[in-house]
C-alpha atoms as a PDB file:
ATOM      1  CA  MET A   1      -6.129   7.090 -27.060  1.00  0.00           C
ATOM      2  CA  LYS A   2      -3.207   5.057 -28.367  1.00  0.00           C
ATOM      3  CA  ILE A   3      -0.222   4.467 -26.085  1.00  0.00           C
ATOM      4  CA  THR A   4       3.093   5.749 -27.461  1.00  0.00           C
ATOM      5  CA  GLU A   5       6.652   5.252 -26.273  1.00  0.00           C
ATOM      6  CA  ASN A   6       6.971   8.918 -25.305  1.00  0.00           C
ATOM      7  CA  MET A   7       4.063   8.917 -22.842  1.00  0.00           C
ATOM      8  CA  LEU A   8       4.907   9.362 -19.169  1.00  0.00           C
ATOM      9  CA  LEU A   9       4.182   6.345 -16.998  1.00  0.00           C
ATOM     10  CA  ASN A  10       1.937   8.336 -14.645  1.00  0.00           C
ATOM     11  CA  ASP A  11      -0.155   9.544 -17.591  1.00  0.00           C
ATOM     12  CA  ILE A  12      -0.703   5.942 -18.680  1.00  0.00           C
ATOM     13  CA  LEU A  13      -1.452   4.764 -15.143  1.00  0.00           C
ATOM     14  CA  ASP A  14      -4.092   7.498 -14.812  1.00  0.00           C
ATOM     15  CA  MET A  15      -6.025   6.146 -17.793  1.00  0.00           C
ATOM     16  CA  ASP A  16      -9.347   4.418 -17.447  1.00  0.00           C
ATOM     17  CA  PRO A  17      -9.501   1.484 -17.221  1.00  0.00           C
ATOM     18  CA  ASP A  18      -6.478   1.167 -14.971  1.00  0.00           C
ATOM     19  CA  PRO A  19      -3.674  -0.611 -16.881  1.00  0.00           C
ATOM     20  CA  THR A  20      -1.647  -1.466 -13.757  1.00  0.00           C
ATOM     21  CA  GLU A  21      -2.082  -5.217 -14.306  1.00  0.00           C
ATOM     22  CA  ILE A  22      -0.338  -4.921 -17.694  1.00  0.00           C
ATOM     23  CA  PHE A  23       2.652  -3.162 -16.138  1.00  0.00           C
ATOM     24  CA  LEU A  24       2.862  -5.809 -13.418  1.00  0.00           C
ATOM     25  CA  ARG A  25       2.634  -8.624 -15.963  1.00  0.00           C
ATOM     26  CA  HIS A  26       5.704  -7.146 -17.686  1.00  0.00           C
ATOM     27  CA  GLY A  27       7.641  -6.790 -14.427  1.00  0.00           C
ATOM     28  CA  LEU A  28       7.103  -3.055 -13.967  1.00  0.00           C
ATOM     29  CA  ASN A  29       5.952  -2.087 -10.494  1.00  0.00           C
ATOM     30  CA  CYS A  30       5.359   1.556 -11.399  1.00  0.00           C
ATOM     31  CA  LEU A  31       2.740   2.457  -8.820  1.00  0.00           C
ATOM     32  CA  GLY A  32       4.362   4.751  -6.287  1.00  0.00           C
ATOM     33  CA  CYS A  33       7.704   4.721  -8.073  1.00  0.00           C
ATOM     34  CA  PRO A  34       9.243   8.222  -8.188  1.00  0.00           C
ATOM     35  CA  GLY A  35      10.464   7.518 -11.728  1.00  0.00           C
ATOM     36  CA  ALA A  36       6.884   7.169 -12.972  1.00  0.00           C
ATOM     37  CA  GLN A  37       6.492  10.942 -12.780  1.00  0.00           C
ATOM     38  CA  SER A  38       9.345  11.713 -15.146  1.00  0.00           C
ATOM     39  CA  GLU A  39      10.064   8.496 -17.039  1.00  0.00           C
ATOM     40  CA  ASN A  40       8.414   7.691 -20.340  1.00  0.00           C
ATOM     41  CA  LEU A  41       7.422   4.219 -21.476  1.00  0.00           C
ATOM     42  CA  ARG A  42      10.515   3.747 -23.643  1.00  0.00           C
ATOM     43  CA  GLU A  43      12.862   4.680 -20.793  1.00  0.00           C
ATOM     44  CA  ALA A  44      11.081   2.330 -18.392  1.00  0.00           C
ATOM     45  CA  ALA A  45      11.197  -0.578 -20.839  1.00  0.00           C
ATOM     46  CA  GLU A  46      14.886  -0.032 -21.602  1.00  0.00           C
ATOM     47  CA  GLY A  47      15.757   0.386 -17.922  1.00  0.00           C
ATOM     48  CA  HIS A  48      14.072  -2.890 -17.014  1.00  0.00           C
ATOM     49  CA  GLY A  49      15.084  -4.918 -20.073  1.00  0.00           C
ATOM     50  CA  ILE A  50      11.500  -5.235 -21.296  1.00  0.00           C
ATOM     51  CA  SER A  51      10.314  -5.392 -24.900  1.00  0.00           C
ATOM     52  CA  LEU A  52       8.873  -1.946 -25.612  1.00  0.00           C
ATOM     53  CA  THR A  53       6.922  -3.225 -28.613  1.00  0.00           C
ATOM     54  CA  LYS A  54       5.271  -6.039 -26.651  1.00  0.00           C
ATOM     55  CA  LEU A  55       4.482  -3.733 -23.729  1.00  0.00           C
ATOM     56  CA  MET A  56       2.891  -1.104 -26.002  1.00  0.00           C
ATOM     57  CA  ASP A  57       0.946  -3.791 -27.881  1.00  0.00           C
ATOM     58  CA  ASP A  58      -0.398  -5.251 -24.635  1.00  0.00           C
ATOM     59  CA  LEU A  59      -1.312  -1.828 -23.237  1.00  0.00           C
ATOM     60  CA  ASN A  60      -3.076  -0.743 -26.416  1.00  0.00           C
ATOM     61  CA  GLU A  61      -4.912  -4.051 -26.682  1.00  0.00           C
ATOM     62  CA  PHE A  62      -6.024  -3.815 -23.046  1.00  0.00           C
ATOM     63  CA  LEU A  63      -7.220  -0.223 -23.361  1.00  0.00           C
ATOM     64  CA  GLY A  64      -8.960  -0.982 -26.616  1.00  0.00           C
ATOM     65  CA  GLU A  65     -10.775  -4.001 -25.198  1.00  0.00           C
ATOM     66  CA  LYS A  66     -12.213  -2.321 -22.127  1.00  0.00           C
END
């Protein structure tokens, strides 16, 4: 499954393999964050000043490699 900007953070974090390390590498500590239940990837990236394109690329690469 390809990661899109409209996916909720919790939905991405529930994927296998666990992509938590990618979020942490980008400065997103989403585990346990209440916003992860209602915030999509685009909103999280914008709210934390992170490149959405780079984050999506890294997530998709990680999930495709495993």
